[in-house]
């Protein structure tokens, strides 16, 4: 859309960095905040919706990270692209996690949410423009004549 084709070659790396950051974030929460008290952590996950949506985001990112190699792209074929569309869901849930986790100053989470919403809306608009018009069925064409 903007002619920034040079960014495409960094897309996989950025996705893996995102998963790495989310994994470090989850690890620090598990180890430092809870010292691996799995039962207490489970109660916190269920109790706080921002933690639940954060965990859901990490679970969405996990299969995307696993299947990001060229071998998985080859094995999955067209299903790979369908699976990797989950990144849009992860971006939405990750942004909501950040927004809900912040207690007072929500300026940056709202900026991220607005930026993501704007970029996603551009993506939807351009995808619809690229899609060819559906041909009329024969019965519809005959009725119109």
N, C-alpha and C. Protein backbone atom coordinates (compact mmCIF):
# COMPACT_ATOMS: atom_id res chain seq x y z
N UNK A 1 0.83 -1.19 0.00
CA UNK A 1 0.00 0.00 0.00
C UNK A 1 0.88 1.26 0.00
N UNK A 2 1.89 1.32 0.86
CA UNK A 2 2.76 2.48 0.94
C UNK A 2 4.07 2.28 0.18
N UNK A 3 4.26 1.10 -0.39
CA UNK A 3 5.49 0.81 -1.10
C UNK A 3 6.66 0.47 -0.20
N UNK A 4 6.38 0.01 1.01
CA UNK A 4 7.43 -0.35 1.96
C UNK A 4 7.74 -1.84 1.84
N UNK A 5 8.06 -2.28 0.65
CA UNK A 5 8.29 -3.71 0.42
C UNK A 5 9.52 -4.23 1.14
N UNK A 6 10.45 -3.36 1.52
CA UNK A 6 11.64 -3.79 2.24
C UNK A 6 11.30 -4.36 3.60
N UNK A 7 10.13 -4.00 4.16
CA UNK A 7 9.73 -4.52 5.47
C UNK A 7 9.33 -6.00 5.42
N UNK A 8 8.91 -6.47 4.24
CA UNK A 8 8.41 -7.84 4.12
C UNK A 8 9.46 -8.86 4.54
N UNK A 9 10.72 -8.62 4.22
CA UNK A 9 11.75 -9.61 4.56
C UNK A 9 12.01 -9.69 6.07
N UNK A 10 11.53 -8.73 6.84
CA UNK A 10 11.70 -8.75 8.30
C UNK A 10 10.46 -9.23 9.04
N UNK A 11 9.42 -9.58 8.31
CA UNK A 11 8.15 -9.94 8.93
C UNK A 11 8.27 -11.16 9.85
N UNK A 12 8.92 -12.20 9.39
CA UNK A 12 9.08 -13.41 10.21
C UNK A 12 9.88 -13.11 11.47
N UNK A 13 10.97 -12.37 11.31
CA UNK A 13 11.82 -12.03 12.44
C UNK A 13 11.04 -11.20 13.47
N UNK A 14 10.25 -10.24 13.01
CA UNK A 14 9.45 -9.42 13.93
C UNK A 14 8.42 -10.27 14.67
N UNK A 15 7.83 -11.23 13.97
CA UNK A 15 6.88 -12.13 14.61
C UNK A 15 7.53 -12.99 15.69
N UNK A 16 8.73 -13.49 15.39
CA UNK A 16 9.44 -14.29 16.38
C UNK A 16 9.92 -13.45 17.56
N UNK A 17 10.31 -12.21 17.31
CA UNK A 17 10.66 -11.29 18.40
C UNK A 17 9.45 -11.04 19.29
N UNK A 18 8.29 -10.91 18.66
CA UNK A 18 7.06 -10.71 19.43
C UNK A 18 6.79 -11.91 20.34
N UNK A 19 6.93 -13.12 19.78
CA UNK A 19 6.73 -14.32 20.59
C UNK A 19 7.78 -14.41 21.69
N UNK A 20 9.03 -14.07 21.38
CA UNK A 20 10.08 -14.10 22.38
C UNK A 20 9.77 -13.13 23.52
N UNK A 21 9.35 -11.92 23.19
CA UNK A 21 9.00 -10.94 24.23
C UNK A 21 7.84 -11.45 25.08
N UNK A 22 6.81 -12.00 24.43
CA UNK A 22 5.66 -12.51 25.18
C UNK A 22 6.08 -13.66 26.09
N UNK A 23 7.00 -14.51 25.63
CA UNK A 23 7.47 -15.63 26.44
C UNK A 23 8.29 -15.14 27.63
N UNK A 24 9.14 -14.14 27.43
CA UNK A 24 9.90 -13.57 28.54
C UNK A 24 8.93 -12.91 29.53
N UNK A 25 7.94 -12.20 29.02
CA UNK A 25 6.94 -11.55 29.86
C UNK A 25 6.20 -12.59 30.72
N UNK A 26 5.77 -13.68 30.10
CA UNK A 26 5.09 -14.76 30.81
C UNK A 26 6.02 -15.44 31.81
N UNK A 27 7.26 -15.65 31.40
CA UNK A 27 8.23 -16.29 32.30
C UNK A 27 8.50 -15.44 33.53
N UNK A 28 8.64 -14.15 33.35
CA UNK A 28 8.89 -13.26 34.49
C UNK A 28 7.69 -13.24 35.42
N UNK A 29 6.50 -13.23 34.87
CA UNK A 29 5.29 -13.26 35.70
C UNK A 29 5.23 -14.57 36.49
N UNK A 30 5.54 -15.68 35.80
CA UNK A 30 5.49 -16.99 36.46
C UNK A 30 6.57 -17.16 37.52
N UNK A 31 7.79 -16.76 37.19
CA UNK A 31 8.92 -17.00 38.08
C UNK A 31 9.07 -15.93 39.16
N UNK A 32 9.05 -14.68 38.77
CA UNK A 32 9.34 -13.61 39.72
C UNK A 32 8.11 -13.27 40.56
N UNK A 33 6.97 -13.11 39.91
CA UNK A 33 5.76 -12.72 40.65
C UNK A 33 5.18 -13.87 41.47
N UNK A 34 5.23 -15.10 40.92
CA UNK A 34 4.54 -16.22 41.58
C UNK A 34 5.46 -17.36 41.99
N UNK A 35 6.71 -17.32 41.64
CA UNK A 35 7.67 -18.38 41.93
C UNK A 35 7.08 -19.76 41.62
N UNK A 36 6.44 -19.85 40.46
CA UNK A 36 5.88 -21.08 39.92
C UNK A 36 4.85 -21.74 40.85
N UNK A 37 4.08 -20.95 41.56
CA UNK A 37 2.98 -21.49 42.38
C UNK A 37 1.79 -21.69 41.45
N UNK A 38 1.76 -22.84 40.78
CA UNK A 38 0.80 -23.08 39.70
C UNK A 38 -0.64 -22.92 40.14
N UNK A 39 -0.99 -23.39 41.30
CA UNK A 39 -2.37 -23.26 41.78
C UNK A 39 -2.78 -21.81 41.98
N UNK A 40 -1.91 -21.04 42.62
CA UNK A 40 -2.19 -19.62 42.82
C UNK A 40 -2.22 -18.87 41.49
N UNK A 41 -1.34 -19.25 40.58
CA UNK A 41 -1.33 -18.62 39.26
C UNK A 41 -2.63 -18.89 38.53
N UNK A 42 -3.13 -20.12 38.63
CA UNK A 42 -4.38 -20.48 37.97
C UNK A 42 -5.53 -19.63 38.51
N UNK A 43 -5.57 -19.44 39.82
CA UNK A 43 -6.62 -18.60 40.42
C UNK A 43 -6.53 -17.16 39.92
N UNK A 44 -5.32 -16.65 39.75
CA UNK A 44 -5.14 -15.29 39.23
C UNK A 44 -5.59 -15.19 37.78
N UNK A 45 -5.28 -16.22 37.00
CA UNK A 45 -5.68 -16.22 35.59
C UNK A 45 -7.20 -16.16 35.48
N UNK A 46 -7.88 -16.96 36.28
CA UNK A 46 -9.34 -17.00 36.24
C UNK A 46 -9.94 -15.72 36.83
N UNK A 47 -9.30 -15.16 37.84
CA UNK A 47 -9.83 -14.00 38.55
C UNK A 47 -9.72 -12.70 37.74
N UNK A 48 -8.60 -12.50 37.05
CA UNK A 48 -8.35 -11.24 36.35
C UNK A 48 -8.46 -11.45 34.84
N UNK A 49 -9.38 -10.72 34.22
CA UNK A 49 -9.60 -10.92 32.78
C UNK A 49 -8.40 -10.46 31.95
N UNK A 50 -7.61 -9.49 32.42
CA UNK A 50 -6.46 -9.06 31.63
C UNK A 50 -5.38 -10.14 31.60
N UNK A 51 -5.27 -10.93 32.66
CA UNK A 51 -4.31 -12.04 32.66
C UNK A 51 -4.83 -13.16 31.75
N UNK A 52 -6.11 -13.43 31.83
CA UNK A 52 -6.71 -14.46 30.98
C UNK A 52 -6.52 -14.13 29.50
N UNK A 53 -6.76 -12.89 29.12
CA UNK A 53 -6.60 -12.53 27.70
C UNK A 53 -5.13 -12.51 27.31
N UNK A 54 -4.24 -12.18 28.25
CA UNK A 54 -2.81 -12.26 27.98
C UNK A 54 -2.36 -13.69 27.74
N UNK A 55 -2.85 -14.61 28.57
CA UNK A 55 -2.53 -16.03 28.38
C UNK A 55 -3.08 -16.54 27.05
N UNK A 56 -4.28 -16.10 26.72
CA UNK A 56 -4.88 -16.49 25.43
C UNK A 56 -4.03 -15.99 24.27
N UNK A 57 -3.53 -14.78 24.39
CA UNK A 57 -2.67 -14.22 23.34
C UNK A 57 -1.42 -15.06 23.18
N UNK A 58 -0.79 -15.44 24.29
CA UNK A 58 0.41 -16.26 24.20
C UNK A 58 0.10 -17.61 23.55
N UNK A 59 -1.04 -18.19 23.90
CA UNK A 59 -1.43 -19.48 23.31
C UNK A 59 -1.71 -19.36 21.81
N UNK A 60 -2.17 -18.19 21.37
CA UNK A 60 -2.36 -17.96 19.94
C UNK A 60 -1.00 -17.83 19.25
N UNK A 61 -0.07 -17.14 19.89
CA UNK A 61 1.26 -16.93 19.30
C UNK A 61 2.08 -18.21 19.22
N UNK A 62 1.85 -19.15 20.13
CA UNK A 62 2.65 -20.38 20.18
C UNK A 62 2.65 -21.16 18.87
N UNK A 63 1.47 -21.53 18.30
CA UNK A 63 1.52 -22.27 17.03
C UNK A 63 2.07 -21.42 15.88
N UNK A 64 1.92 -20.11 15.97
CA UNK A 64 2.47 -19.26 14.91
C UNK A 64 4.00 -19.29 14.95
N UNK A 65 4.57 -19.27 16.14
CA UNK A 65 6.03 -19.34 16.26
C UNK A 65 6.55 -20.72 15.83
N UNK A 66 5.85 -21.76 16.24
CA UNK A 66 6.29 -23.12 15.88
C UNK A 66 6.27 -23.33 14.37
N UNK A 67 5.26 -22.80 13.70
CA UNK A 67 5.10 -23.03 12.26
C UNK A 67 5.69 -21.92 11.40
N UNK A 68 6.64 -21.17 11.94
CA UNK A 68 7.20 -20.05 11.17
C UNK A 68 8.39 -20.43 10.30
N UNK A 69 8.80 -21.67 10.33
CA UNK A 69 9.95 -22.09 9.53
C UNK A 69 9.52 -22.39 8.09
N UNK A 70 10.49 -22.41 7.19
CA UNK A 70 10.20 -22.71 5.79
C UNK A 70 9.65 -24.13 5.64
N UNK A 71 10.13 -25.04 6.47
CA UNK A 71 9.64 -26.42 6.42
C UNK A 71 8.16 -26.50 6.74
N UNK A 72 7.73 -25.77 7.78
CA UNK A 72 6.31 -25.78 8.12
C UNK A 72 5.46 -25.08 7.06
N UNK A 73 5.99 -24.05 6.45
CA UNK A 73 5.26 -23.38 5.37
C UNK A 73 5.03 -24.37 4.24
N UNK A 74 6.05 -25.15 3.90
CA UNK A 74 5.94 -26.15 2.84
C UNK A 74 4.96 -27.26 3.23
N UNK A 75 5.07 -27.75 4.49
CA UNK A 75 4.19 -28.84 4.94
C UNK A 75 2.72 -28.44 4.98
N UNK A 76 2.45 -27.23 5.44
CA UNK A 76 1.06 -26.81 5.62
C UNK A 76 0.43 -26.26 4.35
N UNK A 77 1.23 -25.80 3.42
CA UNK A 77 0.69 -25.27 2.17
C UNK A 77 -0.23 -24.08 2.39
N UNK A 78 -1.41 -24.13 1.79
CA UNK A 78 -2.37 -23.02 1.92
C UNK A 78 -2.89 -22.87 3.35
N UNK A 79 -2.90 -23.97 4.10
CA UNK A 79 -3.36 -23.89 5.49
C UNK A 79 -2.45 -23.03 6.34
N UNK A 80 -1.18 -22.87 5.94
CA UNK A 80 -0.24 -22.04 6.70
C UNK A 80 -0.72 -20.59 6.72
N UNK A 81 -1.12 -20.08 5.57
CA UNK A 81 -1.59 -18.69 5.50
C UNK A 81 -2.85 -18.50 6.33
N UNK A 82 -3.74 -19.48 6.28
CA UNK A 82 -4.98 -19.41 7.08
C UNK A 82 -4.66 -19.41 8.56
N UNK A 83 -3.72 -20.25 8.98
CA UNK A 83 -3.31 -20.31 10.39
C UNK A 83 -2.68 -18.99 10.83
N UNK A 84 -1.84 -18.44 9.98
CA UNK A 84 -1.11 -17.23 10.36
C UNK A 84 -1.95 -15.96 10.30
N UNK A 85 -3.18 -16.08 9.85
CA UNK A 85 -4.10 -14.95 9.99
C UNK A 85 -4.50 -14.74 11.45
N UNK A 86 -4.20 -15.71 12.29
CA UNK A 86 -4.45 -15.56 13.73
C UNK A 86 -3.63 -14.44 14.34
N UNK A 87 -2.64 -13.94 13.61
CA UNK A 87 -1.84 -12.85 14.15
C UNK A 87 -2.71 -11.62 14.37
N UNK A 88 -3.75 -11.45 13.58
CA UNK A 88 -4.65 -10.31 13.78
C UNK A 88 -5.41 -10.46 15.09
N UNK A 89 -5.83 -11.66 15.40
CA UNK A 89 -6.50 -11.92 16.68
C UNK A 89 -5.53 -11.68 17.83
N UNK A 90 -4.29 -12.16 17.66
CA UNK A 90 -3.27 -11.97 18.71
C UNK A 90 -2.96 -10.49 18.91
N UNK A 91 -2.93 -9.73 17.84
CA UNK A 91 -2.67 -8.29 17.97
C UNK A 91 -3.80 -7.60 18.72
N UNK A 92 -5.02 -7.99 18.43
CA UNK A 92 -6.17 -7.40 19.13
C UNK A 92 -6.14 -7.78 20.61
N UNK A 93 -5.99 -9.08 20.89
CA UNK A 93 -6.02 -9.52 22.28
C UNK A 93 -4.81 -9.01 23.06
N UNK A 94 -3.65 -8.91 22.42
CA UNK A 94 -2.47 -8.37 23.09
C UNK A 94 -2.65 -6.90 23.45
N UNK A 95 -3.25 -6.16 22.54
CA UNK A 95 -3.50 -4.74 22.81
C UNK A 95 -4.52 -4.58 23.92
N UNK A 96 -5.55 -5.41 23.92
CA UNK A 96 -6.56 -5.35 24.99
C UNK A 96 -5.92 -5.73 26.33
N UNK A 97 -5.04 -6.74 26.33
CA UNK A 97 -4.32 -7.13 27.54
C UNK A 97 -3.55 -5.94 28.11
N UNK A 98 -2.86 -5.24 27.26
CA UNK A 98 -2.08 -4.07 27.69
C UNK A 98 -2.99 -2.98 28.22
N UNK A 99 -4.09 -2.72 27.54
CA UNK A 99 -5.03 -1.69 27.96
C UNK A 99 -5.65 -2.01 29.32
N UNK A 100 -6.08 -3.25 29.50
CA UNK A 100 -6.72 -3.65 30.75
C UNK A 100 -5.72 -3.76 31.90
N UNK A 101 -4.45 -4.06 31.61
CA UNK A 101 -3.45 -4.24 32.66
C UNK A 101 -2.99 -2.91 33.25
N UNK A 102 -3.05 -1.85 32.46
CA UNK A 102 -2.61 -0.54 32.92
C UNK A 102 -3.68 0.04 33.85
N UNK A 103 -3.24 0.51 34.99
CA UNK A 103 -4.19 0.99 36.00
C UNK A 103 -4.58 2.45 35.81
N UNK A 104 -3.59 3.34 35.60
CA UNK A 104 -3.89 4.77 35.59
C UNK A 104 -3.69 5.41 34.23
N UNK A 105 -2.48 5.46 33.76
CA UNK A 105 -2.16 6.18 32.53
C UNK A 105 -2.37 5.28 31.32
N UNK A 106 -3.50 5.41 30.68
CA UNK A 106 -3.83 4.54 29.55
C UNK A 106 -3.49 5.19 28.20
N UNK A 107 -2.70 6.25 28.22
CA UNK A 107 -2.39 6.95 26.97
C UNK A 107 -1.74 6.03 25.94
N UNK A 108 -0.65 5.36 26.30
CA UNK A 108 0.06 4.52 25.34
C UNK A 108 -0.76 3.31 24.89
N UNK A 109 -1.45 2.61 25.79
CA UNK A 109 -2.29 1.51 25.29
C UNK A 109 -3.37 1.98 24.31
N UNK A 110 -3.95 3.15 24.56
CA UNK A 110 -4.97 3.67 23.65
C UNK A 110 -4.34 4.07 22.31
N UNK A 111 -3.14 4.64 22.34
CA UNK A 111 -2.45 4.98 21.09
C UNK A 111 -2.16 3.71 20.30
N UNK A 112 -1.69 2.66 20.97
CA UNK A 112 -1.43 1.39 20.28
C UNK A 112 -2.71 0.80 19.71
N UNK A 113 -3.77 0.85 20.47
CA UNK A 113 -5.05 0.31 20.00
C UNK A 113 -5.55 1.10 18.80
N UNK A 114 -5.46 2.42 18.84
CA UNK A 114 -5.91 3.24 17.72
C UNK A 114 -5.04 3.00 16.48
N UNK A 115 -3.75 2.89 16.67
CA UNK A 115 -2.84 2.64 15.55
C UNK A 115 -3.15 1.29 14.92
N UNK A 116 -3.31 0.28 15.76
CA UNK A 116 -3.61 -1.05 15.24
C UNK A 116 -4.96 -1.07 14.53
N UNK A 117 -5.96 -0.42 15.10
CA UNK A 117 -7.29 -0.38 14.48
C UNK A 117 -7.23 0.31 13.12
N UNK A 118 -6.46 1.39 13.03
CA UNK A 118 -6.31 2.11 11.76
C UNK A 118 -5.62 1.23 10.72
N UNK A 119 -4.52 0.59 11.11
CA UNK A 119 -3.81 -0.27 10.17
C UNK A 119 -4.65 -1.47 9.74
N UNK A 120 -5.38 -2.05 10.67
CA UNK A 120 -6.23 -3.19 10.33
C UNK A 120 -7.37 -2.77 9.41
N UNK A 121 -7.94 -1.59 9.64
CA UNK A 121 -9.02 -1.12 8.77
C UNK A 121 -8.50 -0.87 7.35
N UNK A 122 -7.28 -0.32 7.22
CA UNK A 122 -6.67 -0.18 5.89
C UNK A 122 -6.52 -1.54 5.22
N UNK A 123 -6.08 -2.51 6.00
CA UNK A 123 -5.88 -3.85 5.47
C UNK A 123 -7.20 -4.44 4.96
N UNK A 124 -8.26 -4.26 5.71
CA UNK A 124 -9.58 -4.78 5.32
C UNK A 124 -10.07 -4.06 4.06
N UNK A 125 -9.94 -2.74 4.03
CA UNK A 125 -10.41 -1.96 2.88
C UNK A 125 -9.67 -2.38 1.61
N UNK A 126 -8.34 -2.48 1.67
CA UNK A 126 -7.58 -2.84 0.48
C UNK A 126 -7.80 -4.30 0.08
N UNK A 127 -8.07 -5.16 1.02
CA UNK A 127 -8.36 -6.56 0.69
C UNK A 127 -9.69 -6.65 -0.05
N UNK A 128 -10.65 -5.86 0.36
CA UNK A 128 -11.96 -5.87 -0.33
C UNK A 128 -11.85 -5.27 -1.72
N UNK A 129 -11.02 -4.26 -1.89
CA UNK A 129 -10.85 -3.66 -3.22
C UNK A 129 -10.18 -4.61 -4.18
N UNK A 130 -9.24 -5.41 -3.69
CA UNK A 130 -8.52 -6.36 -4.53
C UNK A 130 -9.38 -7.54 -4.95
N UNK A 131 -10.37 -7.88 -4.13
CA UNK A 131 -11.21 -9.03 -4.42
C UNK A 131 -12.09 -8.73 -5.63
N UNK A 132 -12.10 -9.60 -6.65
CA UNK A 132 -12.94 -9.34 -7.82
C UNK A 132 -14.42 -9.45 -7.46
N UNK A 133 -15.23 -8.71 -8.21
CA UNK A 133 -16.67 -8.75 -7.97
C UNK A 133 -17.19 -10.15 -8.29
N UNK A 134 -18.14 -10.59 -7.47
CA UNK A 134 -18.70 -11.92 -7.69
C UNK A 134 -19.60 -11.90 -8.91
N UNK A 135 -19.43 -12.88 -9.80
CA UNK A 135 -20.29 -12.91 -10.98
C UNK A 135 -21.72 -13.25 -10.60
N UNK A 136 -22.65 -12.69 -11.36
CA UNK A 136 -24.06 -13.00 -11.11
C UNK A 136 -24.35 -14.44 -11.51
N UNK A 137 -25.27 -15.04 -10.81
CA UNK A 137 -25.68 -16.39 -11.21
C UNK A 137 -26.55 -16.28 -12.45
N UNK A 138 -26.69 -17.38 -13.18
CA UNK A 138 -27.49 -17.37 -14.40
C UNK A 138 -28.94 -17.02 -14.13
N UNK A 139 -29.47 -17.52 -13.03
CA UNK A 139 -30.88 -17.24 -12.74
C UNK A 139 -31.05 -15.76 -12.41
N UNK A 140 -30.07 -15.16 -11.73
CA UNK A 140 -30.13 -13.74 -11.40
C UNK A 140 -30.02 -12.89 -12.66
N UNK A 141 -29.17 -13.32 -13.61
CA UNK A 141 -29.00 -12.58 -14.85
C UNK A 141 -30.24 -12.69 -15.72
N UNK A 142 -30.85 -13.87 -15.72
CA UNK A 142 -32.07 -14.07 -16.53
C UNK A 142 -33.22 -13.25 -15.95
N UNK A 143 -33.33 -13.18 -14.63
CA UNK A 143 -34.40 -12.41 -14.02
C UNK A 143 -34.22 -10.91 -14.27
N UNK A 144 -32.97 -10.46 -14.31
CA UNK A 144 -32.71 -9.04 -14.53
C UNK A 144 -33.07 -8.64 -15.94
N UNK A 145 -32.97 -9.58 -16.91
CA UNK A 145 -33.27 -9.27 -18.32
C UNK A 145 -34.71 -9.31 -18.53
